[in-house]
Amino acid sequence: MYYVRPMIKLTVSYPKGDDVSFDHDYYANTHIPLCKEVFAPSRIELERGIDGPSVAAVSFYFESSEAMQTAMANPRMGEVMGDVPNYTNSRPAMQVSQIVD
């Protein structure tokens, strides 16, 4: 048996609602590339909600908690957060998880 250092996953989901608007093209082509540039994650998974509570979600994978904390402390984080109204009026929900397998 060998030990693999667990990864950290930051998932940002956008709840559905009767009055929620979401521009998937802007999100995929503008916002996510900005996040990739600012956060420098090891991997990104982008989801478009079909059935369930979210209209969209994205998961950013980091090699460690420290790498994620560094990403979140980036001085450009305000730019990332300030871009949210450009594609949605949904209030994002965040979840941090440790990938154990």
C-alpha atoms as a PDB file:
ATOM      1  CA  MET A   1       0.000   0.000   0.000  1.00  0.00           C
ATOM      2  CA  TYR A   2       1.179   3.497  -0.739  1.00  0.00           C
ATOM      3  CA  TYR A   3       0.167   6.881   0.596  1.00  0.00           C
ATOM      4  CA  VAL A   4      -1.198   9.515  -1.715  1.00  0.00           C
ATOM      5  CA  ARG A   5      -1.468  13.003  -0.296  1.00  0.00           C
ATOM      6  CA  PRO A   6      -5.161  13.973  -0.332  1.00  0.00           C
ATOM      7  CA  MET A   7      -6.258  16.746  -2.632  1.00  0.00           C
ATOM      8  CA  ILE A   8      -8.508  19.620  -1.657  1.00  0.00           C
ATOM      9  CA  LYS A   9     -11.589  20.389  -3.737  1.00  0.00           C
ATOM     10  CA  LEU A  10     -13.363  23.737  -3.671  1.00  0.00           C
ATOM     11  CA  THR A  11     -16.841  23.484  -5.204  1.00  0.00           C
ATOM     12  CA  VAL A  12     -18.848  26.581  -6.020  1.00  0.00           C
ATOM     13  CA  SER A  13     -22.484  25.918  -6.898  1.00  0.00           C
ATOM     14  CA  TYR A  14     -25.213  28.276  -8.005  1.00  0.00           C
ATOM     15  CA  PRO A  15     -28.700  27.460  -6.663  1.00  0.00           C
ATOM     16  CA  LYS A  16     -31.662  27.476  -9.045  1.00  0.00           C
ATOM     17  CA  GLY A  17     -34.624  29.741  -8.427  1.00  0.00           C
ATOM     18  CA  ASP A  18     -37.617  31.198 -10.237  1.00  0.00           C
ATOM     19  CA  ASP A  19     -35.872  34.534 -10.675  1.00  0.00           C
ATOM     20  CA  VAL A  20     -32.337  33.190 -11.243  1.00  0.00           C
ATOM     21  CA  SER A  21     -30.572  34.067 -14.480  1.00  0.00           C
ATOM     22  CA  PHE A  22     -27.312  32.447 -15.547  1.00  0.00           C
ATOM     23  CA  ASP A  23     -25.201  33.108 -18.649  1.00  0.00           C
ATOM     24  CA  HIS A  24     -23.446  29.773 -19.206  1.00  0.00           C
ATOM     25  CA  ASP A  25     -21.417  31.065 -22.176  1.00  0.00           C
ATOM     26  CA  TYR A  26     -19.983  34.003 -20.242  1.00  0.00           C
ATOM     27  CA  TYR A  27     -19.307  31.742 -17.272  1.00  0.00           C
ATOM     28  CA  ALA A  28     -17.428  29.128 -19.303  1.00  0.00           C
ATOM     29  CA  ASN A  29     -15.602  31.490 -21.654  1.00  0.00           C
ATOM     30  CA  THR A  30     -14.781  34.463 -19.407  1.00  0.00           C
ATOM     31  CA  HIS A  31     -15.244  33.776 -15.698  1.00  0.00           C
ATOM     32  CA  ILE A  32     -13.718  30.304 -15.495  1.00  0.00           C
ATOM     33  CA  PRO A  33     -10.566  31.328 -17.448  1.00  0.00           C
ATOM     34  CA  LEU A  34     -10.207  34.253 -15.000  1.00  0.00           C
ATOM     35  CA  CYS A  35     -10.491  31.837 -12.063  1.00  0.00           C
ATOM     36  CA  LYS A  36      -7.951  29.506 -13.648  1.00  0.00           C
ATOM     37  CA  GLU A  37      -5.511  32.404 -14.038  1.00  0.00           C
ATOM     38  CA  VAL A  38      -6.026  33.716 -10.490  1.00  0.00           C
ATOM     39  CA  PHE A  39      -6.313  30.417  -8.569  1.00  0.00           C
ATOM     40  CA  ALA A  40      -3.898  28.209 -10.570  1.00  0.00           C
ATOM     41  CA  PRO A  41      -5.707  24.990  -9.573  1.00  0.00           C
ATOM     42  CA  SER A  42      -4.354  21.612 -10.605  1.00  0.00           C
ATOM     43  CA  ARG A  43      -7.677  20.742 -12.252  1.00  0.00           C
ATOM     44  CA  ILE A  44     -11.112  22.251 -12.939  1.00  0.00           C
ATOM     45  CA  GLU A  45     -14.450  20.502 -13.495  1.00  0.00           C
ATOM     46  CA  LEU A  46     -17.265  22.631 -14.879  1.00  0.00           C
ATOM     47  CA  GLU A  47     -20.884  21.458 -14.608  1.00  0.00           C
ATOM     48  CA  ARG A  48     -24.149  22.629 -16.128  1.00  0.00           C
ATOM     49  CA  GLY A  49     -27.096  21.636 -13.943  1.00  0.00           C
ATOM     50  CA  ILE A  50     -29.725  19.476 -15.613  1.00  0.00           C
ATOM     51  CA  ASP A  51     -31.675  18.138 -12.654  1.00  0.00           C
ATOM     52  CA  GLY A  52     -31.144  19.071  -9.036  1.00  0.00           C
ATOM     53  CA  PRO A  53     -30.739  22.172  -6.919  1.00  0.00           C
ATOM     54  CA  SER A  54     -28.023  23.963  -8.946  1.00  0.00           C
ATOM     55  CA  VAL A  55     -28.035  25.717 -12.293  1.00  0.00           C
ATOM     56  CA  ALA A  56     -24.248  25.301 -12.503  1.00  0.00           C
ATOM     57  CA  ALA A  57     -21.222  24.330 -10.446  1.00  0.00           C
ATOM     58  CA  VAL A  58     -17.478  24.292 -10.721  1.00  0.00           C
ATOM     59  CA  SER A  59     -14.876  22.346  -8.771  1.00  0.00           C
ATOM     60  CA  PHE A  60     -11.310  23.543  -8.374  1.00  0.00           C
ATOM     61  CA  TYR A  61      -8.770  20.953  -7.234  1.00  0.00           C
ATOM     62  CA  PHE A  62      -5.679  21.913  -5.263  1.00  0.00           C
ATOM     63  CA  GLU A  63      -2.702  19.814  -4.207  1.00  0.00           C
ATOM     64  CA  SER A  64      -3.025  20.925  -0.585  1.00  0.00           C
ATOM     65  CA  SER A  65      -4.937  23.130   1.836  1.00  0.00           C
ATOM     66  CA  GLU A  66      -2.058  25.569   1.673  1.00  0.00           C
ATOM     67  CA  ALA A  67      -2.352  25.811  -2.122  1.00  0.00           C
ATOM     68  CA  MET A  68      -6.065  26.552  -1.824  1.00  0.00           C
ATOM     69  CA  GLN A  69      -5.468  29.156   0.906  1.00  0.00           C
ATOM     70  CA  THR A  70      -2.846  30.831  -1.276  1.00  0.00           C
ATOM     71  CA  ALA A  71      -5.328  30.923  -4.158  1.00  0.00           C
ATOM     72  CA  MET A  72      -8.054  32.449  -1.984  1.00  0.00           C
ATOM     73  CA  ALA A  73      -5.623  35.080  -0.674  1.00  0.00           C
ATOM     74  CA  ASN A  74      -4.646  36.207  -4.180  1.00  0.00           C
ATOM     75  CA  PRO A  75      -4.972  40.009  -4.443  1.00  0.00           C
ATOM     76  CA  ARG A  76      -7.091  39.472  -7.572  1.00  0.00           C
ATOM     77  CA  MET A  77      -9.814  37.659  -5.599  1.00  0.00           C
ATOM     78  CA  GLY A  78     -11.856  40.866  -5.629  1.00  0.00           C
ATOM     79  CA  GLU A  79     -11.753  40.826  -9.422  1.00  0.00           C
ATOM     80  CA  VAL A  80     -13.088  37.248  -9.434  1.00  0.00           C
ATOM     81  CA  MET A  81     -15.901  38.049  -6.998  1.00  0.00           C
ATOM     82  CA  GLY A  82     -16.710  41.305  -8.780  1.00  0.00           C
ATOM     83  CA  ASP A  83     -17.267  39.378 -12.011  1.00  0.00           C
ATOM     84  CA  VAL A  84     -20.113  37.243 -10.594  1.00  0.00           C
ATOM     85  CA  PRO A  85     -22.911  39.767 -11.413  1.00  0.00           C
ATOM     86  CA  ASN A  86     -21.793  39.618 -15.062  1.00  0.00           C
ATOM     87  CA  TYR A  87     -23.184  36.080 -15.419  1.00  0.00           C
ATOM     88  CA  THR A  88     -25.690  35.431 -12.620  1.00  0.00           C
ATOM     89  CA  ASN A  89     -27.877  36.828  -9.900  1.00  0.00           C
ATOM     90  CA  SER A  90     -27.715  33.526  -7.988  1.00  0.00           C
ATOM     91  CA  ARG A  91     -25.846  33.613  -4.699  1.00  0.00           C
ATOM     92  CA  PRO A  92     -22.979  31.094  -4.931  1.00  0.00           C
ATOM     93  CA  ALA A  93     -22.563  28.413  -2.277  1.00  0.00           C
ATOM     94  CA  MET A  94     -19.069  27.122  -1.495  1.00  0.00           C
ATOM     95  CA  GLN A  95     -17.965  23.735  -0.185  1.00  0.00           C
ATOM     96  CA  VAL A  96     -14.396  22.710   0.664  1.00  0.00           C
ATOM     97  CA  SER A  97     -13.753  18.949   0.658  1.00  0.00           C
ATOM     98  CA  GLN A  98     -10.811  16.626   1.076  1.00  0.00           C
ATOM     99  CA  ILE A  99     -10.551  13.964  -1.616  1.00  0.00           C
ATOM    100  CA  VAL A 100      -9.659  10.788   0.263  1.00  0.00           C
ATOM    101  CA  ASP A 101      -9.769   8.190  -2.503  1.00  0.00           C
END
